[in-house]
Amino acid sequence: MKKYILLIALIIIWALLSHSTAVPKFMLPSPEETVKALIENIGLIGYHTSISLLEAGLGLALAIVFSFGICIIMDRFELMEKIVFPALVVSQTIPVIAIAPLLVLWLGYGILPKVVLIFLVCFFPVAVSLSTGFKLADQDQIRLFKSMNAGYGLILREIKLPEALPSFFSGLKIAVAYSVVGAVIAEWLGGQAGLGVYMTLARKSFAYDEMFAIILVISIISLILIKIVEIIEVRAMPWKNMEESV
């Protein structure tokens, strides 16, 4: 309950502001009006949500696969780390909103530019977290394995990957939230369906209650995805739970 105190406080402040004269009512619908708009448009919102989730899932999956590939290469070859890692950092200085129009121009208005944008948004937190996790591996254990002629694949599987999982899941929690937001941003700039498209239509119609309903849906989806990652994390690292219970 304590973790939701801030959220409850924000909802109360939102309700007080919406019922006051401080903000025009049409610009800040109340929580009740937002929930009502969500219920009345649940079918349409559900359809657009499914499109955004498909795009987010594809982009996130690609980010995870490429992150593992790049991080293993960087971990295996020190020269590659010196070349690739600075490029990863520099890539984050480019605003996503500036890349999106170019992707639409190059790749069209289909699903591909949206998936690529989500991939770019999600790749960095996963890759950096995983790369950091690999470096946390016990060097004494690695030297012991090498003394027994163990190859890199065995060391990766038995030592480095288990050690990197906590860092990986920390980055993944950030990435799953970014994936939904990235899908919405991509849909703002071009598309025929998705929460971003629906939000644009609602804004042009001055249907602010529907806009707030979409924001509520995006927040709920992000929280659900983060919770799913937490559940997978518990299942993937049973030894960590045993250590915490001791």
Protein backbone atom coordinates (compact mmCIF):
# COMPACT_ATOMS: atom_id res chain seq x y z
CA MET A 1 0.00 0.00 0.00
CA LYS A 2 2.84 2.40 0.84
CA LYS A 3 4.24 2.25 -2.68
CA TYR A 4 0.96 3.63 -4.06
CA ILE A 5 0.71 6.62 -1.68
CA LEU A 6 2.26 9.01 -4.22
CA LEU A 7 -0.02 7.74 -6.99
CA ILE A 8 -3.11 8.20 -4.79
CA ALA A 9 -1.93 11.70 -3.85
CA LEU A 10 -1.52 12.62 -7.54
CA ILE A 11 -5.03 11.38 -8.33
CA ILE A 12 -6.45 13.45 -5.45
CA ILE A 13 -4.61 16.56 -6.68
CA TRP A 14 -5.85 15.86 -10.21
CA ALA A 15 -9.44 15.58 -8.96
CA LEU A 16 -9.20 18.79 -6.92
CA LEU A 17 -7.75 20.76 -9.84
CA SER A 18 -10.33 19.44 -12.31
CA HIS A 19 -13.19 20.48 -10.03
CA SER A 20 -11.72 23.90 -9.30
CA THR A 21 -11.61 27.02 -11.47
CA ALA A 22 -7.80 27.05 -11.64
CA VAL A 23 -7.80 25.11 -14.93
CA PRO A 24 -10.52 25.26 -17.61
CA LYS A 25 -12.72 22.17 -17.35
CA PHE A 26 -12.39 21.26 -21.03
CA MET A 27 -8.59 21.19 -20.70
CA LEU A 28 -8.45 19.04 -17.57
CA PRO A 29 -11.23 16.45 -17.37
CA SER A 30 -11.82 14.90 -13.97
CA PRO A 31 -10.80 11.32 -13.14
CA GLU A 32 -14.46 10.32 -13.33
CA GLU A 33 -14.86 11.80 -16.84
CA THR A 34 -11.63 10.10 -17.93
CA VAL A 35 -12.79 6.69 -16.71
CA LYS A 36 -16.19 7.28 -18.34
CA ALA A 37 -14.51 8.09 -21.68
CA LEU A 38 -12.39 4.96 -21.34
CA ILE A 39 -15.45 2.76 -20.75
CA GLU A 40 -17.46 4.35 -23.57
CA ASN A 41 -14.62 3.89 -26.08
CA ILE A 42 -13.21 0.64 -24.73
CA GLY A 43 -13.63 -1.25 -28.02
CA LEU A 44 -11.87 1.36 -30.13
CA ILE A 45 -9.16 1.93 -27.53
CA GLY A 46 -8.66 -1.84 -27.25
CA TYR A 47 -8.10 -2.12 -31.01
CA HIS A 48 -5.54 0.70 -31.09
CA THR A 49 -3.87 -0.71 -27.97
CA SER A 50 -3.36 -4.06 -29.69
CA ILE A 51 -1.58 -2.34 -32.59
CA SER A 52 0.71 -0.38 -30.28
CA LEU A 53 1.48 -3.51 -28.22
CA LEU A 54 2.39 -5.42 -31.38
CA GLU A 55 4.81 -2.69 -32.43
CA ALA A 56 6.24 -2.40 -28.91
CA GLY A 57 6.67 -6.16 -28.62
CA LEU A 58 8.51 -6.48 -31.93
CA GLY A 59 10.80 -3.53 -31.23
CA LEU A 60 11.56 -4.73 -27.70
CA ALA A 61 12.27 -8.28 -28.87
CA LEU A 62 14.72 -7.00 -31.48
CA ALA A 63 16.39 -4.78 -28.87
CA ILE A 64 16.88 -7.74 -26.51
CA VAL A 65 18.29 -10.01 -29.23
CA PHE A 66 20.68 -7.38 -30.57
CA SER A 67 21.70 -6.34 -27.05
CA PHE A 68 22.76 -9.87 -26.20
CA GLY A 69 24.66 -10.18 -29.48
CA ILE A 70 26.48 -6.84 -29.18
CA CYS A 71 27.25 -7.27 -25.47
CA ILE A 72 28.69 -10.76 -25.97
CA ILE A 73 30.89 -9.46 -28.79
CA MET A 74 32.03 -6.50 -26.66
CA ASP A 75 32.72 -8.79 -23.71
CA ARG A 76 34.62 -11.27 -25.84
CA PHE A 77 36.72 -8.75 -27.74
CA GLU A 78 38.06 -5.75 -25.83
CA LEU A 79 38.75 -3.80 -29.03
CA MET A 80 35.08 -4.05 -30.05
CA GLU A 81 34.03 -2.64 -26.69
CA LYS A 82 36.29 0.38 -27.19
CA ILE A 83 34.73 0.95 -30.61
CA VAL A 84 31.06 0.15 -29.98
CA PHE A 85 30.39 1.42 -26.45
CA PRO A 86 31.24 5.10 -27.16
CA ALA A 87 29.00 4.90 -30.23
CA LEU A 88 26.15 3.65 -28.03
CA VAL A 89 26.60 6.59 -25.67
CA VAL A 90 26.77 9.12 -28.52
CA SER A 91 23.59 7.65 -30.06
CA GLN A 92 21.66 8.76 -26.97
CA THR A 93 22.48 12.41 -27.63
CA ILE A 94 20.23 12.34 -30.71
CA PRO A 95 16.59 13.14 -29.80
CA VAL A 96 14.21 10.34 -30.75
CA ILE A 97 11.63 12.86 -31.93
CA ALA A 98 14.21 14.08 -34.50
CA ILE A 99 14.84 10.58 -35.85
CA ALA A 100 11.19 9.59 -36.20
CA PRO A 101 10.35 11.79 -39.26
CA LEU A 102 13.43 10.47 -41.05
CA LEU A 103 12.41 6.87 -40.40
CA VAL A 104 8.96 7.59 -41.81
CA LEU A 105 10.55 9.24 -44.85
CA TRP A 106 12.95 6.32 -45.43
CA LEU A 107 10.73 3.38 -44.47
CA GLY A 108 7.20 4.58 -45.21
CA TYR A 109 4.08 4.71 -43.05
CA GLY A 110 3.83 1.00 -42.23
CA ILE A 111 4.86 -0.85 -39.11
CA LEU A 112 8.58 -1.02 -39.95
CA PRO A 113 9.62 2.58 -39.00
CA LYS A 114 7.72 2.26 -35.72
CA VAL A 115 9.44 -1.03 -34.84
CA VAL A 116 12.84 0.49 -35.72
CA LEU A 117 12.18 3.54 -33.53
CA ILE A 118 11.11 1.36 -30.59
CA PHE A 119 14.22 -0.76 -31.12
CA LEU A 120 16.42 2.35 -30.96
CA VAL A 121 14.67 3.54 -27.78
CA CYS A 122 14.89 0.17 -25.99
CA PHE A 123 18.31 -0.98 -27.15
CA PHE A 124 20.45 1.37 -25.06
CA PRO A 125 19.10 0.61 -21.53
CA VAL A 126 19.17 -3.14 -22.16
CA ALA A 127 22.63 -3.15 -23.76
CA VAL A 128 24.25 -0.94 -21.12
CA SER A 129 22.71 -2.90 -18.24
CA LEU A 130 23.75 -6.23 -19.73
CA SER A 131 27.27 -5.03 -20.52
CA THR A 132 27.65 -3.76 -16.95
CA GLY A 133 26.36 -7.08 -15.62
CA PHE A 134 28.97 -9.05 -17.56
CA LYS A 135 31.70 -6.96 -15.91
CA LEU A 136 30.40 -7.88 -12.44
CA ALA A 137 31.34 -11.54 -12.93
CA ASP A 138 33.71 -12.97 -10.31
CA GLN A 139 37.20 -12.85 -11.82
CA ASP A 140 38.48 -15.57 -9.50
CA GLN A 141 35.85 -17.96 -10.80
CA ILE A 142 36.70 -17.04 -14.38
CA ARG A 143 40.40 -17.71 -13.77
CA LEU A 144 39.50 -21.05 -12.17
CA PHE A 145 37.45 -22.06 -15.20
CA LYS A 146 40.22 -20.97 -17.55
CA SER A 147 42.74 -23.03 -15.58
CA MET A 148 40.58 -26.05 -16.40
CA ASN A 149 40.62 -25.11 -20.12
CA ALA A 150 37.01 -23.94 -20.13
CA GLY A 151 36.02 -22.05 -23.27
CA TYR A 152 34.35 -18.65 -23.40
CA GLY A 153 30.94 -20.21 -24.06
CA LEU A 154 31.06 -22.21 -20.83
CA ILE A 155 32.29 -19.22 -18.82
CA LEU A 156 29.52 -17.09 -20.30
CA ARG A 157 26.82 -19.63 -19.50
CA GLU A 158 27.96 -20.64 -16.01
CA ILE A 159 29.42 -17.41 -14.61
CA LYS A 160 28.81 -14.23 -16.59
CA LEU A 161 25.20 -14.69 -17.63
CA PRO A 162 23.87 -15.58 -14.14
CA GLU A 163 25.81 -12.62 -12.71
CA ALA A 164 24.43 -10.27 -15.38
CA LEU A 165 20.76 -11.22 -14.97
CA PRO A 166 19.94 -8.72 -12.19
CA SER A 167 21.42 -5.85 -14.24
CA PHE A 168 19.70 -7.12 -17.37
CA PHE A 169 16.28 -7.16 -15.74
CA SER A 170 16.83 -3.66 -14.33
CA GLY A 171 17.46 -2.39 -17.85
CA LEU A 172 14.55 -4.43 -19.21
CA LYS A 173 12.10 -2.77 -16.80
CA ILE A 174 13.11 0.60 -18.21
CA ALA A 175 12.94 -0.69 -21.79
CA VAL A 176 9.41 -2.14 -21.51
CA ALA A 177 8.12 1.24 -20.34
CA TYR A 178 10.03 3.00 -23.13
CA SER A 179 8.65 0.56 -25.71
CA VAL A 180 5.04 1.70 -25.27
CA VAL A 181 5.98 5.39 -25.18
CA GLY A 182 8.18 4.87 -28.24
CA ALA A 183 5.28 3.28 -30.12
CA VAL A 184 3.02 6.24 -29.32
CA ILE A 185 5.66 8.78 -30.42
CA ALA A 186 6.20 6.89 -33.68
CA GLU A 187 2.46 6.79 -34.34
CA TRP A 188 2.15 10.54 -33.81
CA LEU A 189 4.27 11.13 -36.89
CA GLY A 190 2.58 8.72 -39.24
CA GLY A 191 0.34 5.71 -39.16
CA GLN A 192 -3.19 4.47 -39.58
CA ALA A 193 -3.76 2.83 -36.19
CA GLY A 194 -2.35 2.74 -32.67
CA LEU A 195 -2.71 4.73 -29.47
CA GLY A 196 -0.62 7.56 -30.90
CA VAL A 197 -2.93 7.89 -33.91
CA TYR A 198 -6.01 7.74 -31.68
CA MET A 199 -4.52 10.39 -29.38
CA THR A 200 -3.86 12.67 -32.35
CA LEU A 201 -7.45 12.30 -33.56
CA ALA A 202 -8.78 12.97 -30.05
CA ARG A 203 -6.63 16.10 -29.76
CA LYS A 204 -7.84 17.44 -33.10
CA SER A 205 -11.42 16.83 -31.97
CA PHE A 206 -10.72 18.57 -28.63
CA ALA A 207 -11.81 15.36 -26.88
CA TYR A 208 -9.53 15.86 -23.92
CA ASP A 209 -11.33 13.26 -21.83
CA GLU A 210 -10.40 10.64 -24.45
CA MET A 211 -6.81 11.91 -24.53
CA PHE A 212 -6.55 11.49 -20.77
CA ALA A 213 -8.13 8.04 -21.10
CA ILE A 214 -5.38 7.06 -23.55
CA ILE A 215 -2.71 8.41 -21.18
CA LEU A 216 -4.29 6.32 -18.42
CA VAL A 217 -4.17 3.23 -20.65
CA ILE A 218 -0.51 3.83 -21.51
CA SER A 219 0.36 4.15 -17.81
CA ILE A 220 -1.55 0.99 -16.90
CA ILE A 221 0.08 -0.99 -19.72
CA SER A 222 3.55 0.18 -18.66
CA LEU A 223 2.91 -0.85 -15.05
CA ILE A 224 1.59 -4.25 -16.15
CA LEU A 225 4.61 -4.87 -18.38
CA ILE A 226 7.01 -3.92 -15.59
CA LYS A 227 5.17 -6.30 -13.25
CA ILE A 228 5.45 -9.10 -15.83
CA VAL A 229 9.21 -8.48 -16.05
CA GLU A 230 9.42 -8.68 -12.25
CA ILE A 231 7.62 -12.03 -12.27
CA ILE A 232 9.95 -13.37 -14.98
CA GLU A 233 12.91 -12.06 -12.97
CA VAL A 234 11.82 -14.05 -9.92
CA ARG A 235 11.40 -17.21 -12.01
CA ALA A 236 14.73 -16.72 -13.82
CA MET A 237 16.76 -16.20 -10.64
CA PRO A 238 15.48 -18.65 -7.98
CA TRP A 239 18.84 -18.55 -6.22
CA LYS A 240 18.42 -14.83 -5.53
CA ASN A 241 15.11 -15.45 -3.75
CA MET A 242 16.70 -18.18 -1.66
CA GLU A 243 19.48 -15.79 -0.61
CA GLU A 244 16.97 -13.07 0.34
CA SER A 245 14.88 -15.50 2.40
CA VAL A 246 17.88 -16.70 4.41
